[in-house]
Amino acid sequence: MSNAPVIVAVDGSEHSLRALEWARAEAELHRTGLVVAHVLPDHAQLYAGRRASLHDRGAPEETADPVHDWLRATLGGGPGLPGGIRYEALEGSVPEALRVIGAEARMLVMGSRGRGGFKALLLGSSSRAVTATAPCPVVVVPHADRSAGTDASGESAGRVVLGLHAAETPDDVLVHAFTEAAVRGTTVQVVSAYAVPPAPALVVDAPFAVIPPEGLADEGDGVPAEREMLRAQTRRLEPYRARYPDVPVEQAAVPGDAAGRLVMASASAALVVVGRHHPRRTAMALQIGSVAHAVLHHAHGPVAVVPTLHDDD
């Protein structure tokens, strides 16, 4: 998949414009092509089906596609699209059409809400469905009301933040995070949660500690469960430190659920990377894990939800 394109789903809305700008910058980082995909509305699909079934040669071959016109105007205003960018008009339901085209993608990029969404919704139904079923990593770019510390394209110069369960997160999730950090020349900050809570005074608004591996000696005042989690992180990260020697790594362990810390970190992060399914769920499960669900709904910057792409065994 080294030459696979970045695919971005658009519908002409402000939310999809943010996704388009982020995806275009991402394609440039990876030096690959950009495919801009639009799932045609029902009326256009019905027209095409009626024309085909009736063999009506007198009807126009194509209906107007205002999203294609919007895309040309957005990317330069000329009759065609810039080099390296291709437009695809898709038919079918949004989740299914994007699931199919996602099979050829390096990643699929979407806005957090589409044109038809209610303003009060934190995450649109299409974005939620696609993140649960796509065969490739899905990056959801939040709308402007939720963005913090990012420029107009949704990018940030910050680190890549990885939500890691040392024993269960699939290797594909780690590879995605380290690859994204490598192309940006930035740090991977690894956040894991441990089950045993510290004293209440340490829980309330306590910033998580970032500890280098050399700081994990047996002595010290750290919470035992925290230190054991950091050791488990270190063991899990060893092959990735070797594979990506130029990518700095920071480690953090937090009590309870990691989702809140990942949301906090998203405000200054270039990207937050989480896995999609809990490993005990079946491959066809339609729900994403609780951490991914919470981060998608509340993150202030782009979130990559990565499925299991290979058998780690």
C-alpha atoms as a PDB file:
ATOM      1  CA  MET A   1       0.000   0.000   0.000  1.00  0.00           C
ATOM      2  CA  SER A   2       3.045   2.286  -0.215  1.00  0.00           C
ATOM      3  CA  ASN A   3       1.665   3.969  -3.362  1.00  0.00           C
ATOM      4  CA  ALA A   4      -1.965   3.878  -2.248  1.00  0.00           C
ATOM      5  CA  PRO A   5      -3.716   7.249  -2.432  1.00  0.00           C
ATOM      6  CA  VAL A   6      -5.212   9.311   0.319  1.00  0.00           C
ATOM      7  CA  ILE A   7      -8.995   9.364  -0.232  1.00  0.00           C
ATOM      8  CA  VAL A   8     -11.152  12.157   1.131  1.00  0.00           C
ATOM      9  CA  ALA A   9     -14.951  12.125   1.222  1.00  0.00           C
ATOM     10  CA  VAL A  10     -16.606  15.460   0.418  1.00  0.00           C
ATOM     11  CA  ASP A  11     -20.139  16.784   0.026  1.00  0.00           C
ATOM     12  CA  GLY A  12     -19.477  20.489  -0.523  1.00  0.00           C
ATOM     13  CA  SER A  13     -20.018  21.408   3.134  1.00  0.00           C
ATOM     14  CA  GLU A  14     -17.697  23.443   5.330  1.00  0.00           C
ATOM     15  CA  HIS A  15     -16.895  20.276   7.263  1.00  0.00           C
ATOM     16  CA  SER A  16     -15.777  18.440   4.150  1.00  0.00           C
ATOM     17  CA  LEU A  17     -13.704  21.458   3.078  1.00  0.00           C
ATOM     18  CA  ARG A  18     -11.654  21.103   6.270  1.00  0.00           C
ATOM     19  CA  ALA A  19     -11.253  17.403   5.528  1.00  0.00           C
ATOM     20  CA  LEU A  20     -10.199  18.174   1.943  1.00  0.00           C
ATOM     21  CA  GLU A  21      -7.519  20.634   3.047  1.00  0.00           C
ATOM     22  CA  TRP A  22      -6.177  18.197   5.649  1.00  0.00           C
ATOM     23  CA  ALA A  23      -6.160  15.295   3.175  1.00  0.00           C
ATOM     24  CA  ARG A  24      -4.389  17.318   0.490  1.00  0.00           C
ATOM     25  CA  ALA A  25      -1.600  18.196   2.925  1.00  0.00           C
ATOM     26  CA  GLU A  26      -1.443  14.557   4.034  1.00  0.00           C
ATOM     27  CA  ALA A  27      -1.070  13.336   0.440  1.00  0.00           C
ATOM     28  CA  GLU A  28       1.814  15.773  -0.033  1.00  0.00           C
ATOM     29  CA  LEU A  29       3.500  14.499   3.138  1.00  0.00           C
ATOM     30  CA  HIS A  30       3.300  10.927   1.889  1.00  0.00           C
ATOM     31  CA  ARG A  31       4.071  11.910  -1.722  1.00  0.00           C
ATOM     32  CA  THR A  32       1.068  10.062  -3.046  1.00  0.00           C
ATOM     33  CA  GLY A  33      -2.081  10.841  -5.004  1.00  0.00           C
ATOM     34  CA  LEU A  34      -5.317  12.299  -3.678  1.00  0.00           C
ATOM     35  CA  VAL A  35      -8.733  10.913  -4.603  1.00  0.00           C
ATOM     36  CA  VAL A  36     -11.706  13.141  -3.821  1.00  0.00           C
ATOM     37  CA  ALA A  37     -14.834  11.009  -3.461  1.00  0.00           C
ATOM     38  CA  HIS A  38     -18.436  12.181  -3.413  1.00  0.00           C
ATOM     39  CA  VAL A  39     -21.378   9.853  -2.869  1.00  0.00           C
ATOM     40  CA  LEU A  40     -24.094  11.137  -5.180  1.00  0.00           C
ATOM     41  CA  PRO A  41     -27.376  12.170  -3.548  1.00  0.00           C
ATOM     42  CA  ASP A  42     -30.397   9.932  -3.899  1.00  0.00           C
ATOM     43  CA  HIS A  43     -32.045  11.984  -6.638  1.00  0.00           C
ATOM     44  CA  ALA A  44     -28.965  11.756  -8.865  1.00  0.00           C
ATOM     45  CA  GLN A  45     -28.695   8.011  -8.297  1.00  0.00           C
ATOM     46  CA  LEU A  46     -32.395   7.540  -9.063  1.00  0.00           C
ATOM     47  CA  TYR A  47     -32.045   9.520 -12.295  1.00  0.00           C
ATOM     48  CA  ALA A  48     -29.093   7.440 -13.414  1.00  0.00           C
ATOM     49  CA  GLY A  49     -30.948   4.217 -12.614  1.00  0.00           C
ATOM     50  CA  ARG A  50     -34.095   5.357 -14.456  1.00  0.00           C
ATOM     51  CA  ARG A  51     -32.112   6.391 -17.531  1.00  0.00           C
ATOM     52  CA  ALA A  52     -30.301   3.065 -17.607  1.00  0.00           C
ATOM     53  CA  SER A  53     -33.460   0.971 -17.114  1.00  0.00           C
ATOM     54  CA  LEU A  54     -35.484   2.836 -19.736  1.00  0.00           C
ATOM     55  CA  HIS A  55     -32.615   3.152 -22.229  1.00  0.00           C
ATOM     56  CA  ASP A  56     -33.670   6.768 -22.705  1.00  0.00           C
ATOM     57  CA  ARG A  57     -31.097   8.000 -25.197  1.00  0.00           C
ATOM     58  CA  GLY A  58     -32.753  11.406 -25.311  1.00  0.00           C
ATOM     59  CA  ALA A  59     -32.033  12.128 -21.673  1.00  0.00           C
ATOM     60  CA  PRO A  60     -28.764  13.851 -20.768  1.00  0.00           C
ATOM     61  CA  GLU A  61     -26.030  11.352 -19.972  1.00  0.00           C
ATOM     62  CA  GLU A  62     -25.132  13.099 -16.758  1.00  0.00           C
ATOM     63  CA  THR A  63     -26.938  15.220 -14.251  1.00  0.00           C
ATOM     64  CA  ALA A  64     -25.322  18.342 -12.858  1.00  0.00           C
ATOM     65  CA  ASP A  65     -22.773  17.623 -10.146  1.00  0.00           C
ATOM     66  CA  PRO A  66     -22.435  20.776  -8.028  1.00  0.00           C
ATOM     67  CA  VAL A  67     -19.868  19.114  -5.759  1.00  0.00           C
ATOM     68  CA  HIS A  68     -17.553  18.541  -8.723  1.00  0.00           C
ATOM     69  CA  ASP A  69     -17.983  22.210  -9.666  1.00  0.00           C
ATOM     70  CA  TRP A  70     -17.325  23.216  -6.033  1.00  0.00           C
ATOM     71  CA  LEU A  71     -14.173  21.096  -6.013  1.00  0.00           C
ATOM     72  CA  ARG A  72     -12.770  22.678  -9.189  1.00  0.00           C
ATOM     73  CA  ALA A  73     -13.460  26.150  -7.828  1.00  0.00           C
ATOM     74  CA  THR A  74     -11.929  25.291  -4.448  1.00  0.00           C
ATOM     75  CA  LEU A  75      -8.749  23.833  -5.905  1.00  0.00           C
ATOM     76  CA  GLY A  76      -8.042  26.489  -8.483  1.00  0.00           C
ATOM     77  CA  GLY A  77     -11.072  27.418 -10.526  1.00  0.00           C
ATOM     78  CA  GLY A  78      -9.831  25.933 -13.814  1.00  0.00           C
ATOM     79  CA  PRO A  79     -11.686  23.451 -16.028  1.00  0.00           C
ATOM     80  CA  GLY A  80      -9.719  20.533 -14.600  1.00  0.00           C
ATOM     81  CA  LEU A  81      -8.188  19.442 -11.319  1.00  0.00           C
ATOM     82  CA  PRO A  82      -4.554  19.936 -10.287  1.00  0.00           C
ATOM     83  CA  GLY A  83      -2.126  17.135 -11.045  1.00  0.00           C
ATOM     84  CA  GLY A  84      -2.229  14.183  -8.695  1.00  0.00           C
ATOM     85  CA  ILE A  85      -5.887  14.779  -7.744  1.00  0.00           C
ATOM     86  CA  ARG A  86      -8.728  12.638  -9.078  1.00  0.00           C
ATOM     87  CA  TYR A  87     -12.481  12.996  -8.548  1.00  0.00           C
ATOM     88  CA  GLU A  88     -14.784  10.000  -8.092  1.00  0.00           C
ATOM     89  CA  ALA A  89     -18.591  10.184  -8.031  1.00  0.00           C
ATOM     90  CA  LEU A  90     -19.910   7.155  -6.146  1.00  0.00           C
ATOM     91  CA  GLU A  91     -23.295   5.452  -5.921  1.00  0.00           C
ATOM     92  CA  GLY A  92     -24.877   3.577  -3.054  1.00  0.00           C
ATOM     93  CA  SER A  93     -25.172   4.406   0.625  1.00  0.00           C
ATOM     94  CA  VAL A  94     -22.423   6.584   2.043  1.00  0.00           C
ATOM     95  CA  PRO A  95     -20.936   3.940   4.399  1.00  0.00           C
ATOM     96  CA  GLU A  96     -21.002   1.178   1.786  1.00  0.00           C
ATOM     97  CA  ALA A  97     -19.642   3.288  -1.080  1.00  0.00           C
ATOM     98  CA  LEU A  98     -16.779   4.570   1.071  1.00  0.00           C
ATOM     99  CA  ARG A  99     -16.115   1.107   2.460  1.00  0.00           C
ATOM    100  CA  VAL A 100     -15.643  -0.212  -1.073  1.00  0.00           C
ATOM    101  CA  ILE A 101     -13.391   2.596  -2.291  1.00  0.00           C
ATOM    102  CA  GLY A 102     -11.477   2.490   0.998  1.00  0.00           C
ATOM    103  CA  ALA A 103     -10.074  -0.905   0.056  1.00  0.00           C
ATOM    104  CA  GLU A 104      -7.563   0.881  -2.210  1.00  0.00           C
ATOM    105  CA  ALA A 105      -6.721   3.725   0.184  1.00  0.00           C
ATOM    106  CA  ARG A 106      -3.761   4.538   2.383  1.00  0.00           C
ATOM    107  CA  MET A 107      -6.359   6.253   4.542  1.00  0.00           C
ATOM    108  CA  LEU A 108      -9.857   7.677   4.214  1.00  0.00           C
ATOM    109  CA  VAL A 109     -10.417  11.242   5.469  1.00  0.00           C
ATOM    110  CA  MET A 110     -13.805  12.660   6.460  1.00  0.00           C
ATOM    111  CA  GLY A 111     -15.297  15.650   8.212  1.00  0.00           C
ATOM    112  CA  SER A 112     -16.951  15.037  11.553  1.00  0.00           C
ATOM    113  CA  ARG A 113     -20.348  16.107  10.226  1.00  0.00           C
ATOM    114  CA  GLY A 114     -21.827  16.258   6.766  1.00  0.00           C
ATOM    115  CA  ARG A 115     -24.132  18.713   5.064  1.00  0.00           C
ATOM    116  CA  GLY A 116     -27.223  16.959   6.353  1.00  0.00           C
ATOM    117  CA  GLY A 117     -26.159  16.754  10.015  1.00  0.00           C
ATOM    118  CA  PHE A 118     -27.710  18.591  12.908  1.00  0.00           C
ATOM    119  CA  LYS A 119     -25.428  21.286  14.301  1.00  0.00           C
ATOM    120  CA  ALA A 120     -25.755  19.884  17.815  1.00  0.00           C
ATOM    121  CA  LEU A 121     -24.305  16.507  16.811  1.00  0.00           C
ATOM    122  CA  LEU A 122     -20.660  15.978  17.746  1.00  0.00           C
ATOM    123  CA  LEU A 123     -20.190  13.230  15.176  1.00  0.00           C
ATOM    124  CA  GLY A 124     -22.338  12.588  12.110  1.00  0.00           C
ATOM    125  CA  SER A 125     -23.930   9.216  11.423  1.00  0.00           C
ATOM    126  CA  SER A 126     -21.943   8.680   8.222  1.00  0.00           C
ATOM    127  CA  SER A 127     -18.609   9.394   9.926  1.00  0.00           C
ATOM    128  CA  ARG A 128     -19.529   7.037  12.735  1.00  0.00           C
ATOM    129  CA  ALA A 129     -20.574   4.248  10.361  1.00  0.00           C
ATOM    130  CA  VAL A 130     -17.494   4.582   8.141  1.00  0.00           C
ATOM    131  CA  THR A 131     -15.047   4.496  11.056  1.00  0.00           C
ATOM    132  CA  ALA A 132     -16.705   1.250  12.183  1.00  0.00           C
ATOM    133  CA  THR A 133     -16.553  -0.563   8.829  1.00  0.00           C
ATOM    134  CA  ALA A 134     -13.847   0.854   6.528  1.00  0.00           C
ATOM    135  CA  PRO A 135     -11.014  -1.549   5.617  1.00  0.00           C
ATOM    136  CA  CYS A 136      -8.398   1.208   6.014  1.00  0.00           C
ATOM    137  CA  PRO A 137      -7.498   3.838   8.620  1.00  0.00           C
ATOM    138  CA  VAL A 138     -10.160   6.557   8.809  1.00  0.00           C
ATOM    139  CA  VAL A 139      -9.185  10.103   9.825  1.00  0.00           C
ATOM    140  CA  VAL A 140     -12.013  12.296  11.116  1.00  0.00           C
ATOM    141  CA  VAL A 141     -11.277  16.031  10.995  1.00  0.00           C
ATOM    142  CA  PRO A 142     -13.429  17.951  13.507  1.00  0.00           C
ATOM    143  CA  HIS A 143     -15.492  20.956  12.610  1.00  0.00           C
ATOM    144  CA  ALA A 144     -14.261  24.442  13.428  1.00  0.00           C
ATOM    145  CA  ASP A 145     -16.204  24.724  16.709  1.00  0.00           C
ATOM    146  CA  ARG A 146     -14.203  21.838  18.187  1.00  0.00           C
ATOM    147  CA  SER A 147     -10.797  22.638  16.693  1.00  0.00           C
ATOM    148  CA  ALA A 148      -8.113  24.176  18.889  1.00  0.00           C
ATOM    149  CA  GLY A 149      -4.527  24.999  18.065  1.00  0.00           C
ATOM    150  CA  THR A 150      -4.905  24.131  14.384  1.00  0.00           C
ATOM    151  CA  ASP A 151      -4.676  26.166  11.219  1.00  0.00           C
ATOM    152  CA  ALA A 152      -7.301  26.405   8.477  1.00  0.00           C
ATOM    153  CA  SER A 153      -6.309  23.026   7.028  1.00  0.00           C
ATOM    154  CA  GLY A 154      -6.816  21.293  10.363  1.00  0.00           C
ATOM    155  CA  GLU A 155      -3.089  20.697  10.740  1.00  0.00           C
ATOM    156  CA  SER A 156      -0.940  21.272  13.789  1.00  0.00           C
ATOM    157  CA  ALA A 157       2.798  21.215  14.249  1.00  0.00           C
ATOM    158  CA  GLY A 158       2.356  19.155  17.440  1.00  0.00           C
ATOM    159  CA  ARG A 159       3.194  15.559  18.198  1.00  0.00           C
ATOM    160  CA  VAL A 160       1.366  12.404  17.155  1.00  0.00           C
ATOM    161  CA  VAL A 161      -0.509  10.989  20.170  1.00  0.00           C
ATOM    162  CA  LEU A 162      -1.031   7.220  20.341  1.00  0.00           C
ATOM    163  CA  GLY A 163      -3.601   5.560  22.588  1.00  0.00           C
ATOM    164  CA  LEU A 164      -2.010   2.216  23.501  1.00  0.00           C
ATOM    165  CA  HIS A 165      -3.147  -0.835  25.421  1.00  0.00           C
ATOM    166  CA  ALA A 166       0.219  -2.553  25.707  1.00  0.00           C
ATOM    167  CA  ALA A 167      -1.209  -6.077  25.594  1.00  0.00           C
ATOM    168  CA  GLU A 168      -4.053  -5.641  23.107  1.00  0.00           C
ATOM    169  CA  THR A 169      -3.542  -2.796  20.617  1.00  0.00           C
ATOM    170  CA  PRO A 170      -2.798  -4.320  17.172  1.00  0.00           C
ATOM    171  CA  ASP A 171       0.565  -3.671  15.556  1.00  0.00           C
ATOM    172  CA  ASP A 172      -1.129  -1.814  12.672  1.00  0.00           C
ATOM    173  CA  VAL A 173      -2.109   0.976  15.067  1.00  0.00           C
ATOM    174  CA  LEU A 174       1.473   1.478  16.231  1.00  0.00           C
ATOM    175  CA  VAL A 175       2.805   1.377  12.672  1.00  0.00           C
ATOM    176  CA  HIS A 176       0.329   4.071  11.642  1.00  0.00           C
ATOM    177  CA  ALA A 177       1.292   6.355  14.534  1.00  0.00           C
ATOM    178  CA  PHE A 178       5.037   5.994  14.006  1.00  0.00           C
ATOM    179  CA  THR A 179       4.709   6.439  10.233  1.00  0.00           C
ATOM    180  CA  GLU A 180       2.714   9.643  10.692  1.00  0.00           C
ATOM    181  CA  ALA A 181       5.267  10.971  13.176  1.00  0.00           C
ATOM    182  CA  ALA A 182       8.137  10.075  10.830  1.00  0.00           C
ATOM    183  CA  VAL A 183       6.727  11.962   7.832  1.00  0.00           C
ATOM    184  CA  ARG A 184       6.095  14.992  10.060  1.00  0.00           C
ATOM    185  CA  GLY A 185       9.463  14.862  11.803  1.00  0.00           C
ATOM    186  CA  THR A 186       7.760  14.916  15.196  1.00  0.00           C
ATOM    187  CA  THR A 187       7.373  12.945  18.428  1.00  0.00           C
ATOM    188  CA  VAL A 188       5.058  10.057  19.256  1.00  0.00           C
ATOM    189  CA  GLN A 189       3.493  10.491  22.679  1.00  0.00           C
ATOM    190  CA  VAL A 190       2.158   7.151  23.927  1.00  0.00           C
ATOM    191  CA  VAL A 191      -0.746   7.264  26.400  1.00  0.00           C
ATOM    192  CA  SER A 192      -1.892   4.149  28.284  1.00  0.00           C
ATOM    193  CA  ALA A 193      -4.321   3.706  31.164  1.00  0.00           C
ATOM    194  CA  TYR A 194      -3.840   1.549  34.253  1.00  0.00           C
ATOM    195  CA  ALA A 195      -6.650   0.039  36.285  1.00  0.00           C
ATOM    196  CA  VAL A 196      -5.534   0.713  39.862  1.00  0.00           C
ATOM    197  CA  PRO A 197      -6.358   4.338  40.770  1.00  0.00           C
ATOM    198  CA  PRO A 198      -3.948   6.441  42.821  1.00  0.00           C
ATOM    199  CA  ALA A 199      -5.011   8.476  45.833  1.00  0.00           C
ATOM    200  CA  PRO A 200      -7.932  10.852  45.096  1.00  0.00           C
ATOM    201  CA  ALA A 201      -5.682  13.883  45.519  1.00  0.00           C
ATOM    202  CA  LEU A 202      -3.636  12.682  42.561  1.00  0.00           C
ATOM    203  CA  VAL A 203      -6.602  12.069  40.284  1.00  0.00           C
ATOM    204  CA  VAL A 204      -8.244  15.476  40.182  1.00  0.00           C
ATOM    205  CA  ASP A 205      -6.747  17.597  37.397  1.00  0.00           C
ATOM    206  CA  ALA A 206      -3.330  15.954  37.786  1.00  0.00           C
ATOM    207  CA  PRO A 207      -1.254  16.240  34.598  1.00  0.00           C
ATOM    208  CA  PHE A 208       0.056  12.908  33.383  1.00  0.00           C
ATOM    209  CA  ALA A 209       3.752  12.261  33.812  1.00  0.00           C
ATOM    210  CA  VAL A 210       6.033  11.738  30.828  1.00  0.00           C
ATOM    211  CA  ILE A 211       8.827   9.397  31.871  1.00  0.00           C
ATOM    212  CA  PRO A 212      11.749   8.212  29.708  1.00  0.00           C
ATOM    213  CA  PRO A 213      12.614   4.479  29.846  1.00  0.00           C
ATOM    214  CA  GLU A 214      15.744   5.172  31.877  1.00  0.00           C
ATOM    215  CA  GLY A 215      13.514   6.648  34.595  1.00  0.00           C
ATOM    216  CA  LEU A 216      11.752   3.343  35.262  1.00  0.00           C
ATOM    217  CA  ALA A 217      14.080   2.042  37.963  1.00  0.00           C
ATOM    218  CA  ASP A 218      12.549   0.080  40.843  1.00  0.00           C
ATOM    219  CA  GLU A 219      13.117   2.945  43.250  1.00  0.00           C
ATOM    220  CA  GLY A 220      10.881   5.990  43.318  1.00  0.00           C
ATOM    221  CA  ASP A 221       7.586   7.328  44.565  1.00  0.00           C
ATOM    222  CA  GLY A 222       5.489   6.487  41.504  1.00  0.00           C
ATOM    223  CA  VAL A 223       2.268   4.486  41.794  1.00  0.00           C
ATOM    224  CA  PRO A 224       3.199   0.793  41.322  1.00  0.00           C
ATOM    225  CA  ALA A 225       0.497   0.209  38.678  1.00  0.00           C
ATOM    226  CA  GLU A 226       1.649   3.301  36.799  1.00  0.00           C
ATOM    227  CA  ARG A 227       5.244   2.147  36.781  1.00  0.00           C
ATOM    228  CA  GLU A 228       4.276  -1.359  35.674  1.00  0.00           C
ATOM    229  CA  MET A 229       2.228   0.118  32.818  1.00  0.00           C
ATOM    230  CA  LEU A 230       5.186   2.226  31.730  1.00  0.00           C
ATOM    231  CA  ARG A 231       7.390  -0.862  31.772  1.00  0.00           C
ATOM    232  CA  ALA A 232       4.830  -2.737  29.655  1.00  0.00           C
ATOM    233  CA  GLN A 233       4.782   0.220  27.250  1.00  0.00           C
ATOM    234  CA  THR A 234       8.564   0.140  27.012  1.00  0.00           C
ATOM    235  CA  ARG A 235       8.605  -3.556  26.126  1.00  0.00           C
ATOM    236  CA  ARG A 236       5.899  -3.094  23.503  1.00  0.00           C
ATOM    237  CA  LEU A 237       7.600  -0.074  21.958  1.00  0.00           C
ATOM    238  CA  GLU A 238      11.081  -1.590  21.651  1.00  0.00           C
ATOM    239  CA  PRO A 239      10.701  -2.869  18.054  1.00  0.00           C
ATOM    240  CA  TYR A 240       9.214   0.441  16.926  1.00  0.00           C
ATOM    241  CA  ARG A 241      12.032   2.463  18.460  1.00  0.00           C
ATOM    242  CA  ALA A 242      14.392   0.253  16.456  1.00  0.00           C
ATOM    243  CA  ARG A 243      12.330   0.498  13.271  1.00  0.00           C
ATOM    244  CA  TYR A 244      11.900   4.286  13.531  1.00  0.00           C
ATOM    245  CA  PRO A 245      15.144   5.433  15.216  1.00  0.00           C
ATOM    246  CA  ASP A 246      14.617   9.075  14.250  1.00  0.00           C
ATOM    247  CA  VAL A 247      11.176   9.322  15.899  1.00  0.00           C
ATOM    248  CA  PRO A 248      11.377  10.555  19.524  1.00  0.00           C
ATOM    249  CA  VAL A 249       9.028   8.762  21.929  1.00  0.00           C
ATOM    250  CA  GLU A 250       7.369  10.054  25.098  1.00  0.00           C
ATOM    251  CA  GLN A 251       5.520   7.696  27.426  1.00  0.00           C
ATOM    252  CA  ALA A 252       2.604   8.516  29.693  1.00  0.00           C
ATOM    253  CA  ALA A 253       0.435   6.385  31.991  1.00  0.00           C
ATOM    254  CA  VAL A 254      -2.878   7.646  33.380  1.00  0.00           C
ATOM    255  CA  PRO A 255      -5.382   6.221  35.875  1.00  0.00           C
ATOM    256  CA  GLY A 256      -8.692   4.885  34.638  1.00  0.00           C
ATOM    257  CA  ASP A 257      -9.879   5.542  31.097  1.00  0.00           C
ATOM    258  CA  ALA A 258      -7.344   7.006  28.661  1.00  0.00           C
ATOM    259  CA  ALA A 259     -10.013   8.770  26.576  1.00  0.00           C
ATOM    260  CA  GLY A 260     -10.088  11.980  28.611  1.00  0.00           C
ATOM    261  CA  ARG A 261      -6.313  12.389  28.439  1.00  0.00           C
ATOM    262  CA  LEU A 262      -6.305  11.713  24.711  1.00  0.00           C
ATOM    263  CA  VAL A 263      -8.949  14.393  24.210  1.00  0.00           C
ATOM    264  CA  MET A 264      -6.875  16.851  26.267  1.00  0.00           C
ATOM    265  CA  ALA A 265      -3.748  16.009  24.260  1.00  0.00           C
ATOM    266  CA  SER A 266      -5.642  16.436  20.970  1.00  0.00           C
ATOM    267  CA  ALA A 267      -5.797  20.201  21.494  1.00  0.00           C
ATOM    268  CA  SER A 268      -2.097  20.511  20.643  1.00  0.00           C
ATOM    269  CA  ALA A 269      -1.546  17.329  18.631  1.00  0.00           C
ATOM    270  CA  ALA A 270      -1.049  16.938  14.899  1.00  0.00           C
ATOM    271  CA  LEU A 271      -2.989  13.674  15.065  1.00  0.00           C
ATOM    272  CA  VAL A 272      -4.427  11.281  17.639  1.00  0.00           C
ATOM    273  CA  VAL A 273      -4.213   7.596  16.680  1.00  0.00           C
ATOM    274  CA  VAL A 274      -6.431   4.918  18.256  1.00  0.00           C
ATOM    275  CA  GLY A 275      -7.388   1.354  17.397  1.00  0.00           C
ATOM    276  CA  ARG A 276     -10.881   0.574  16.195  1.00  0.00           C
ATOM    277  CA  HIS A 277     -12.111  -2.668  17.716  1.00  0.00           C
ATOM    278  CA  HIS A 278     -11.523  -4.326  20.996  1.00  0.00           C
ATOM    279  CA  PRO A 279      -9.697  -7.543  20.032  1.00  0.00           C
ATOM    280  CA  ARG A 280     -12.389  -9.731  21.607  1.00  0.00           C
ATOM    281  CA  ARG A 281     -15.004  -8.391  19.218  1.00  0.00           C
ATOM    282  CA  THR A 282     -15.560 -10.154  15.933  1.00  0.00           C
ATOM    283  CA  ALA A 283     -14.114  -8.702  12.731  1.00  0.00           C
ATOM    284  CA  MET A 284     -17.624  -7.818  11.540  1.00  0.00           C
ATOM    285  CA  ALA A 285     -18.621  -5.917  14.676  1.00  0.00           C
ATOM    286  CA  LEU A 286     -20.274  -2.604  13.877  1.00  0.00           C
ATOM    287  CA  GLN A 287     -19.187  -0.808  17.018  1.00  0.00           C
ATOM    288  CA  ILE A 288     -15.854   0.783  17.775  1.00  0.00           C
ATOM    289  CA  GLY A 289     -14.142   0.589  21.133  1.00  0.00           C
ATOM    290  CA  SER A 290     -15.161   2.905  23.960  1.00  0.00           C
ATOM    291  CA  VAL A 291     -11.925   4.914  23.860  1.00  0.00           C
ATOM    292  CA  ALA A 292     -12.134   5.476  20.089  1.00  0.00           C
ATOM    293  CA  HIS A 293     -15.815   6.395  20.434  1.00  0.00           C
ATOM    294  CA  ALA A 294     -15.153   9.011  23.126  1.00  0.00           C
ATOM    295  CA  VAL A 295     -12.144  10.518  21.360  1.00  0.00           C
ATOM    296  CA  LEU A 296     -14.004  10.805  18.046  1.00  0.00           C
ATOM    297  CA  HIS A 297     -16.828  12.679  19.715  1.00  0.00           C
ATOM    298  CA  HIS A 298     -14.730  15.132  21.713  1.00  0.00           C
ATOM    299  CA  ALA A 299     -11.254  15.538  20.189  1.00  0.00           C
ATOM    300  CA  HIS A 300     -10.106  19.022  19.203  1.00  0.00           C
ATOM    301  CA  GLY A 301      -8.027  17.830  16.242  1.00  0.00           C
ATOM    302  CA  PRO A 302      -7.869  15.038  13.650  1.00  0.00           C
ATOM    303  CA  VAL A 303      -8.297  11.471  14.916  1.00  0.00           C
ATOM    304  CA  ALA A 304      -7.139   8.366  13.018  1.00  0.00           C
ATOM    305  CA  VAL A 305      -9.129   5.202  13.808  1.00  0.00           C
ATOM    306  CA  VAL A 306      -7.058   2.232  12.623  1.00  0.00           C
ATOM    307  CA  PRO A 307      -8.537  -1.247  12.087  1.00  0.00           C
ATOM    308  CA  THR A 308      -6.582  -4.471  12.256  1.00  0.00           C
ATOM    309  CA  LEU A 309      -5.141  -4.711   8.740  1.00  0.00           C
ATOM    310  CA  HIS A 310      -2.926  -7.774   9.234  1.00  0.00           C
ATOM    311  CA  ASP A 311      -2.858 -10.828  11.447  1.00  0.00           C
ATOM    312  CA  ASP A 312      -0.329  -9.922  14.138  1.00  0.00           C
ATOM    313  CA  ASP A 313       0.287 -13.614  14.780  1.00  0.00           C
END
